[in-house]
Every structure is written in C-alpha cells, then in structure tokens.
C-alpha cells in the first residue's frame, strides 16, 4: 500500500501530513511555503508512493466558502495538472486549527512551539487526514 498525503493549504504556508504505508496512522510531516508546494510534492512522490492527496476544504460554519477557498481550489487545479495520476479528495477542515492547538496543549508542547504557526499547520493537516481516514471506515 502507498501513503495518503494531506494538505492544509494556506496563503503563506501549507501543512502536510502523511499516513504510514499501511494507512493506519496519520502523522504531521512538514510545513512548506505555499509557493514551493508543488515542487515539494513532486519530489515527495518520487521518494514515496502516494495513493491519494486529501486536501482540506475551508468552509465557514454555515457551509459557505471562506476567503481562502478560491486559493485552495486554484492550487488543487495546479496539483491535478502536475500529478494527474494521483487522485485528490476534499475533506472539511472546519475547526482543525483549534483542534490542532488543543492537541498540542494536551501533548505538552511548549508555548514557543504553539506560537510557531507552521507547527499548527502540520498538526491541522494530520487532523484532516485522520478525520478523512475515519470517515472511510
């Protein structure tokens, strides 16, 4: 089996998480500047087999698009053009940043680590990925 890779896309930086090869556990992987994301993903899929990308879809509580939703949709179009052999699945990302912060507090992360927004981004990606996997059970 190959890995699933989750993307929490942001205007400045993007959190990335992956599963283990058996697709049992989601783990935070990296935070990448968004303008370098396609380059990073191309290199990653050369090193590791990836079954699918799971992209967090930003929505407001009422289900409408956020200011970031058009950026994420545009990125996914570029991703599908760059790596058409790997399917892309959308997954609701509402509350993931708050959940990531709470998870970091619960795990004993220092205030310094929690203030580093890149850490929250990659933990958010892991939450998106874990939620996606649970929804498929």
N, C-alpha and C. Protein backbone atom coordinates (compact mmCIF):
# COMPACT_ATOMS: atom_id res chain seq x y z
N UNK A 1 0.83 -1.19 0.00
CA UNK A 1 0.00 0.00 0.00
C UNK A 1 0.88 1.25 0.00
N UNK A 2 0.35 2.29 -0.54
CA UNK A 2 1.06 3.56 -0.54
C UNK A 2 0.43 4.49 0.50
N UNK A 3 1.06 5.59 0.72
CA UNK A 3 0.61 6.56 1.73
C UNK A 3 -0.52 7.44 1.19
N UNK A 4 -1.27 8.01 2.12
CA UNK A 4 -2.16 9.12 1.83
C UNK A 4 -1.43 10.37 2.31
N UNK A 5 -1.58 11.46 1.61
CA UNK A 5 -0.92 12.70 1.98
C UNK A 5 -1.97 13.80 2.09
N UNK A 6 -2.01 14.48 3.24
CA UNK A 6 -2.98 15.55 3.47
C UNK A 6 -2.32 16.91 3.35
N UNK A 7 -3.10 17.86 2.85
CA UNK A 7 -2.62 19.21 2.60
C UNK A 7 -3.57 20.19 3.28
N UNK A 8 -3.01 21.02 4.18
CA UNK A 8 -3.76 22.12 4.79
C UNK A 8 -3.18 23.39 4.16
N UNK A 9 -3.78 23.79 3.04
CA UNK A 9 -3.23 24.87 2.21
C UNK A 9 -3.55 26.24 2.79
N UNK A 10 -2.53 27.08 2.85
CA UNK A 10 -2.70 28.45 3.31
C UNK A 10 -2.06 29.42 2.34
N UNK A 11 -2.38 30.69 2.48
CA UNK A 11 -1.85 31.70 1.58
C UNK A 11 -0.32 31.78 1.65
N UNK A 12 0.23 31.63 2.85
CA UNK A 12 1.69 31.74 3.02
C UNK A 12 2.39 30.40 3.17
N UNK A 13 1.80 29.53 3.94
CA UNK A 13 2.45 28.24 4.21
C UNK A 13 1.39 27.15 4.23
N UNK A 14 1.86 25.92 4.03
CA UNK A 14 0.98 24.77 3.93
C UNK A 14 1.47 23.66 4.84
N UNK A 15 0.55 23.13 5.64
CA UNK A 15 0.87 21.99 6.48
C UNK A 15 0.65 20.70 5.71
N UNK A 16 1.54 19.75 5.92
CA UNK A 16 1.46 18.46 5.24
C UNK A 16 1.53 17.34 6.28
N UNK A 17 0.70 16.34 6.08
CA UNK A 17 0.71 15.15 6.92
C UNK A 17 0.63 13.93 6.01
N UNK A 18 1.12 12.80 6.51
CA UNK A 18 1.08 11.55 5.74
C UNK A 18 0.68 10.40 6.65
N UNK A 19 0.22 9.34 6.00
CA UNK A 19 -0.02 8.10 6.73
C UNK A 19 1.23 7.24 6.66
N UNK A 20 1.22 6.22 7.46
CA UNK A 20 2.22 5.17 7.30
C UNK A 20 1.84 4.39 6.04
N UNK A 21 2.72 3.54 5.53
CA UNK A 21 2.41 2.81 4.29
C UNK A 21 1.16 1.93 4.37
N UNK A 22 0.75 1.50 5.57
CA UNK A 22 -0.45 0.69 5.72
C UNK A 22 -1.71 1.54 5.91
N UNK A 23 -1.54 2.84 5.91
CA UNK A 23 -2.64 3.80 6.05
C UNK A 23 -3.42 3.59 7.34
N UNK A 24 -2.69 3.45 8.44
CA UNK A 24 -3.30 3.27 9.75
C UNK A 24 -3.19 4.56 10.59
N UNK A 25 -2.03 5.19 10.56
CA UNK A 25 -1.76 6.35 11.42
C UNK A 25 -1.42 7.56 10.57
N UNK A 26 -2.01 8.70 10.92
CA UNK A 26 -1.69 9.97 10.27
C UNK A 26 -0.68 10.71 11.14
N UNK A 27 0.37 11.23 10.52
CA UNK A 27 1.40 11.97 11.25
C UNK A 27 1.71 13.28 10.55
N UNK A 28 1.93 14.31 11.36
CA UNK A 28 2.37 15.60 10.82
C UNK A 28 3.73 15.39 10.17
N UNK A 29 3.93 15.97 9.00
CA UNK A 29 5.18 15.79 8.28
C UNK A 29 6.00 17.06 8.20
N UNK A 30 5.42 18.11 7.63
CA UNK A 30 6.21 19.28 7.26
C UNK A 30 5.30 20.48 7.08
N UNK A 31 5.90 21.66 7.19
CA UNK A 31 5.24 22.88 6.76
C UNK A 31 6.11 23.47 5.66
N UNK A 32 5.48 23.79 4.53
CA UNK A 32 6.20 24.24 3.34
C UNK A 32 5.64 25.59 2.91
N UNK A 33 6.51 26.52 2.49
CA UNK A 33 5.96 27.75 1.91
C UNK A 33 5.05 27.39 0.74
N UNK A 34 3.87 27.98 0.71
CA UNK A 34 2.87 27.59 -0.30
C UNK A 34 3.36 27.76 -1.73
N UNK A 35 4.19 28.76 -1.98
CA UNK A 35 4.69 28.96 -3.35
C UNK A 35 5.67 27.86 -3.78
N UNK A 36 6.15 27.04 -2.83
CA UNK A 36 7.06 25.93 -3.14
C UNK A 36 6.38 24.56 -3.04
N UNK A 37 5.08 24.56 -2.81
CA UNK A 37 4.38 23.31 -2.50
C UNK A 37 4.40 22.30 -3.64
N UNK A 38 4.09 22.72 -4.85
CA UNK A 38 4.09 21.76 -5.98
C UNK A 38 5.46 21.12 -6.16
N UNK A 39 6.50 21.91 -6.06
CA UNK A 39 7.87 21.39 -6.18
C UNK A 39 8.13 20.35 -5.08
N UNK A 40 7.71 20.66 -3.86
CA UNK A 40 7.88 19.74 -2.74
C UNK A 40 7.12 18.43 -2.99
N UNK A 41 5.87 18.54 -3.43
CA UNK A 41 5.05 17.35 -3.64
C UNK A 41 5.60 16.48 -4.78
N UNK A 42 6.07 17.11 -5.83
CA UNK A 42 6.67 16.33 -6.93
C UNK A 42 7.87 15.52 -6.42
N UNK A 43 8.71 16.15 -5.62
CA UNK A 43 9.87 15.46 -5.07
C UNK A 43 9.44 14.36 -4.10
N UNK A 44 8.43 14.63 -3.31
CA UNK A 44 7.97 13.64 -2.33
C UNK A 44 7.45 12.38 -3.02
N UNK A 45 6.62 12.55 -4.05
CA UNK A 45 6.06 11.36 -4.71
C UNK A 45 7.11 10.59 -5.51
N UNK A 46 8.25 11.20 -5.76
CA UNK A 46 9.36 10.46 -6.37
C UNK A 46 10.01 9.53 -5.34
N UNK A 47 10.00 9.96 -4.07
CA UNK A 47 10.63 9.17 -2.99
C UNK A 47 9.68 8.15 -2.37
N UNK A 48 8.40 8.52 -2.26
CA UNK A 48 7.42 7.69 -1.56
C UNK A 48 6.19 7.51 -2.44
N UNK A 49 5.67 6.30 -2.53
CA UNK A 49 4.42 6.12 -3.28
C UNK A 49 3.25 6.75 -2.51
N UNK A 50 2.39 7.47 -3.23
CA UNK A 50 1.23 8.13 -2.64
C UNK A 50 -0.01 7.66 -3.38
N UNK A 51 -0.98 7.13 -2.64
CA UNK A 51 -2.25 6.66 -3.23
C UNK A 51 -3.17 7.82 -3.57
N UNK A 52 -3.18 8.85 -2.70
CA UNK A 52 -4.10 9.97 -2.91
C UNK A 52 -3.67 11.16 -2.08
N UNK A 53 -4.12 12.33 -2.54
CA UNK A 53 -3.98 13.56 -1.77
C UNK A 53 -5.33 13.86 -1.14
N UNK A 54 -5.31 14.31 0.11
CA UNK A 54 -6.51 14.75 0.81
C UNK A 54 -6.30 16.22 1.13
N UNK A 55 -7.16 17.05 0.56
CA UNK A 55 -6.98 18.50 0.70
C UNK A 55 -8.09 19.05 1.59
N UNK A 56 -7.68 19.80 2.59
CA UNK A 56 -8.64 20.44 3.48
C UNK A 56 -9.41 21.53 2.74
N UNK A 57 -10.73 21.45 2.78
CA UNK A 57 -11.57 22.44 2.11
C UNK A 57 -12.07 23.44 3.15
N UNK A 58 -11.61 24.69 3.04
CA UNK A 58 -12.03 25.69 4.03
C UNK A 58 -13.46 26.16 3.80
N UNK A 59 -14.26 26.05 4.83
CA UNK A 59 -15.67 26.48 4.80
C UNK A 59 -15.99 27.20 6.10
N UNK A 60 -16.94 28.12 6.02
CA UNK A 60 -17.45 28.76 7.23
C UNK A 60 -18.43 27.81 7.92
N UNK A 61 -18.85 28.17 9.11
CA UNK A 61 -19.80 27.32 9.84
C UNK A 61 -21.08 27.07 9.06
N UNK A 62 -21.52 28.08 8.29
CA UNK A 62 -22.75 27.92 7.52
C UNK A 62 -22.55 27.19 6.18
N UNK A 63 -21.32 26.72 5.93
CA UNK A 63 -21.03 25.96 4.72
C UNK A 63 -20.60 26.78 3.52
N UNK A 64 -20.56 28.11 3.65
CA UNK A 64 -20.13 28.95 2.55
C UNK A 64 -18.61 29.00 2.48
N UNK A 65 -18.11 29.40 1.33
CA UNK A 65 -16.67 29.49 1.12
C UNK A 65 -16.05 30.59 1.99
N UNK A 66 -14.79 30.37 2.39
CA UNK A 66 -14.03 31.39 3.10
C UNK A 66 -13.23 32.19 2.06
N UNK A 67 -12.48 33.17 2.52
CA UNK A 67 -11.61 33.93 1.62
C UNK A 67 -10.52 33.05 1.01
N UNK A 68 -10.15 31.98 1.72
CA UNK A 68 -9.07 31.10 1.24
C UNK A 68 -9.57 30.02 0.28
N UNK A 69 -10.85 29.75 0.25
CA UNK A 69 -11.37 28.65 -0.58
C UNK A 69 -10.99 28.78 -2.06
N UNK A 70 -11.13 29.97 -2.68
CA UNK A 70 -10.72 30.06 -4.10
C UNK A 70 -9.23 29.75 -4.31
N UNK A 71 -8.38 30.16 -3.37
CA UNK A 71 -6.94 29.86 -3.48
C UNK A 71 -6.70 28.36 -3.43
N UNK A 72 -7.41 27.68 -2.53
CA UNK A 72 -7.24 26.23 -2.40
C UNK A 72 -7.72 25.53 -3.66
N UNK A 73 -8.87 25.94 -4.19
CA UNK A 73 -9.38 25.33 -5.43
C UNK A 73 -8.41 25.53 -6.59
N UNK A 74 -7.83 26.73 -6.68
CA UNK A 74 -6.86 27.02 -7.74
C UNK A 74 -5.62 26.14 -7.59
N UNK A 75 -5.14 25.99 -6.34
CA UNK A 75 -3.98 25.12 -6.11
C UNK A 75 -4.30 23.69 -6.52
N UNK A 76 -5.49 23.19 -6.17
CA UNK A 76 -5.85 21.80 -6.50
C UNK A 76 -5.88 21.61 -8.01
N UNK A 77 -6.32 22.60 -8.75
CA UNK A 77 -6.28 22.51 -10.22
C UNK A 77 -4.84 22.35 -10.70
N UNK A 78 -3.92 23.14 -10.13
CA UNK A 78 -2.50 23.02 -10.49
C UNK A 78 -1.95 21.64 -10.09
N UNK A 79 -2.35 21.16 -8.91
CA UNK A 79 -1.90 19.86 -8.43
C UNK A 79 -2.38 18.75 -9.36
N UNK A 80 -3.63 18.80 -9.75
CA UNK A 80 -4.18 17.77 -10.65
C UNK A 80 -3.51 17.80 -12.02
N UNK A 81 -3.13 18.97 -12.47
CA UNK A 81 -2.40 19.07 -13.74
C UNK A 81 -0.97 18.56 -13.61
N UNK A 82 -0.34 18.82 -12.47
CA UNK A 82 1.06 18.42 -12.26
C UNK A 82 1.20 16.93 -11.98
N UNK A 83 0.25 16.36 -11.25
CA UNK A 83 0.33 14.95 -10.86
C UNK A 83 -1.03 14.27 -11.12
N UNK A 84 -1.41 14.15 -12.40
CA UNK A 84 -2.75 13.66 -12.73
C UNK A 84 -3.00 12.20 -12.36
N UNK A 85 -1.95 11.45 -12.13
CA UNK A 85 -2.11 10.03 -11.81
C UNK A 85 -2.52 9.79 -10.36
N UNK A 86 -2.45 10.84 -9.52
CA UNK A 86 -2.80 10.70 -8.10
C UNK A 86 -4.12 11.42 -7.84
N UNK A 87 -5.13 10.70 -7.38
CA UNK A 87 -6.43 11.35 -7.14
C UNK A 87 -6.37 12.33 -5.97
N UNK A 88 -7.26 13.32 -6.02
CA UNK A 88 -7.35 14.34 -4.97
C UNK A 88 -8.76 14.25 -4.38
N UNK A 89 -8.82 14.18 -3.06
CA UNK A 89 -10.10 14.15 -2.36
C UNK A 89 -10.18 15.36 -1.44
N UNK A 90 -11.37 15.94 -1.38
CA UNK A 90 -11.62 17.09 -0.50
C UNK A 90 -12.08 16.56 0.86
N UNK A 91 -11.71 17.30 1.93
CA UNK A 91 -12.21 16.97 3.26
C UNK A 91 -12.40 18.25 4.05
N UNK A 92 -13.53 18.34 4.72
CA UNK A 92 -13.88 19.52 5.51
C UNK A 92 -12.78 19.81 6.54
N UNK A 93 -12.32 21.06 6.57
CA UNK A 93 -11.25 21.40 7.51
C UNK A 93 -11.72 22.34 8.62
N UNK A 94 -13.02 22.52 8.77
CA UNK A 94 -13.52 23.39 9.84
C UNK A 94 -13.04 22.90 11.20
N UNK A 95 -12.60 23.82 12.02
CA UNK A 95 -12.15 23.60 13.40
C UNK A 95 -10.79 22.92 13.52
N UNK A 96 -10.12 22.60 12.43
CA UNK A 96 -8.87 21.86 12.56
C UNK A 96 -7.77 22.67 13.23
N UNK A 97 -7.70 23.98 12.99
CA UNK A 97 -6.66 24.78 13.65
C UNK A 97 -6.88 24.82 15.16
N UNK A 98 -8.12 24.99 15.58
CA UNK A 98 -8.42 24.99 17.02
C UNK A 98 -8.14 23.62 17.62
N UNK A 99 -8.50 22.56 16.89
CA UNK A 99 -8.23 21.21 17.37
C UNK A 99 -6.73 20.95 17.44
N UNK A 100 -5.98 21.46 16.48
CA UNK A 100 -4.53 21.28 16.47
C UNK A 100 -3.91 21.95 17.69
N UNK A 101 -4.35 23.16 17.98
CA UNK A 101 -3.82 23.88 19.15
C UNK A 101 -4.13 23.10 20.42
N UNK A 102 -5.35 22.61 20.56
CA UNK A 102 -5.72 21.83 21.74
C UNK A 102 -4.90 20.54 21.83
N UNK A 103 -4.67 19.90 20.70
CA UNK A 103 -3.86 18.67 20.70
C UNK A 103 -2.42 18.97 21.13
N UNK A 104 -1.90 20.10 20.68
CA UNK A 104 -0.54 20.46 21.06
C UNK A 104 -0.46 20.76 22.56
N UNK A 105 -1.47 21.44 23.10
CA UNK A 105 -1.51 21.71 24.54
C UNK A 105 -1.57 20.39 25.31
N UNK A 106 -2.46 19.50 24.88
CA UNK A 106 -2.65 18.22 25.56
C UNK A 106 -1.38 17.36 25.52
N UNK A 107 -0.59 17.50 24.45
CA UNK A 107 0.63 16.69 24.33
C UNK A 107 1.81 17.32 25.05
N UNK A 108 1.60 18.50 25.66
CA UNK A 108 2.67 19.13 26.42
C UNK A 108 3.60 20.00 25.60
N UNK A 109 3.19 20.42 24.42
CA UNK A 109 4.02 21.31 23.60
C UNK A 109 4.24 22.62 24.34
N UNK A 110 5.42 23.18 24.18
CA UNK A 110 5.73 24.45 24.84
C UNK A 110 4.97 25.59 24.18
N UNK A 111 4.85 26.70 24.91
CA UNK A 111 4.20 27.88 24.33
C UNK A 111 4.93 28.33 23.08
N UNK A 112 6.24 28.22 23.07
CA UNK A 112 7.04 28.61 21.90
C UNK A 112 6.65 27.77 20.69
N UNK A 113 6.52 26.46 20.89
CA UNK A 113 6.12 25.57 19.78
C UNK A 113 4.70 25.88 19.30
N UNK A 114 3.81 26.21 20.23
CA UNK A 114 2.43 26.50 19.86
C UNK A 114 2.30 27.84 19.13
N UNK A 115 3.20 28.77 19.43
CA UNK A 115 3.17 30.07 18.74
C UNK A 115 3.69 29.96 17.32
N UNK A 116 4.48 28.93 17.03
CA UNK A 116 5.01 28.70 15.69
C UNK A 116 3.87 28.19 14.81
N UNK A 117 3.34 29.08 13.95
CA UNK A 117 2.16 28.75 13.17
C UNK A 117 2.38 27.54 12.26
N UNK A 118 3.59 27.33 11.81
CA UNK A 118 3.88 26.18 10.97
C UNK A 118 3.61 24.86 11.67
N UNK A 119 3.84 24.82 12.98
CA UNK A 119 3.54 23.60 13.74
C UNK A 119 2.03 23.34 13.77
N UNK A 120 1.25 24.40 13.95
CA UNK A 120 -0.20 24.24 13.96
C UNK A 120 -0.68 23.78 12.58
N UNK A 121 -0.08 24.30 11.51
CA UNK A 121 -0.48 23.92 10.15
C UNK A 121 -0.27 22.43 9.89
N UNK A 122 0.88 21.89 10.29
CA UNK A 122 1.12 20.47 10.01
C UNK A 122 0.31 19.56 10.93
N UNK A 123 0.04 20.01 12.16
CA UNK A 123 -0.84 19.22 13.02
C UNK A 123 -2.27 19.27 12.48
N UNK A 124 -2.69 20.43 11.96
CA UNK A 124 -4.01 20.54 11.33
C UNK A 124 -4.13 19.57 10.16
N UNK A 125 -3.08 19.46 9.36
CA UNK A 125 -3.08 18.52 8.24
C UNK A 125 -3.24 17.09 8.75
N UNK A 126 -2.59 16.76 9.86
CA UNK A 126 -2.72 15.42 10.43
C UNK A 126 -4.15 15.16 10.90
N UNK A 127 -4.79 16.19 11.47
CA UNK A 127 -6.18 16.05 11.92
C UNK A 127 -7.10 15.85 10.71
N UNK A 128 -6.88 16.60 9.65
CA UNK A 128 -7.66 16.44 8.42
C UNK A 128 -7.52 15.01 7.91
N UNK A 129 -6.29 14.52 7.88
CA UNK A 129 -6.03 13.18 7.36
C UNK A 129 -6.65 12.09 8.24
N UNK A 130 -6.52 12.23 9.54
CA UNK A 130 -7.11 11.23 10.45
C UNK A 130 -8.63 11.23 10.31
N UNK A 131 -9.22 12.41 10.22
CA UNK A 131 -10.67 12.53 10.06
C UNK A 131 -11.11 11.90 8.74
N UNK A 132 -10.35 12.15 7.68
CA UNK A 132 -10.67 11.54 6.38
C UNK A 132 -10.63 10.02 6.47
N UNK A 133 -9.59 9.48 7.09
CA UNK A 133 -9.47 8.01 7.19
C UNK A 133 -10.62 7.43 8.01
N UNK A 134 -11.00 8.11 9.10
CA UNK A 134 -12.11 7.62 9.92
C UNK A 134 -13.43 7.66 9.15
N UNK A 135 -13.58 8.67 8.28
CA UNK A 135 -14.82 8.77 7.52
C UNK A 135 -14.94 7.66 6.47
N UNK A 136 -13.85 7.02 6.12
CA UNK A 136 -13.85 5.97 5.10
C UNK A 136 -14.00 4.58 5.69
N UNK A 137 -14.02 4.48 7.01
CA UNK A 137 -14.15 3.16 7.67
C UNK A 137 -15.57 2.67 7.60
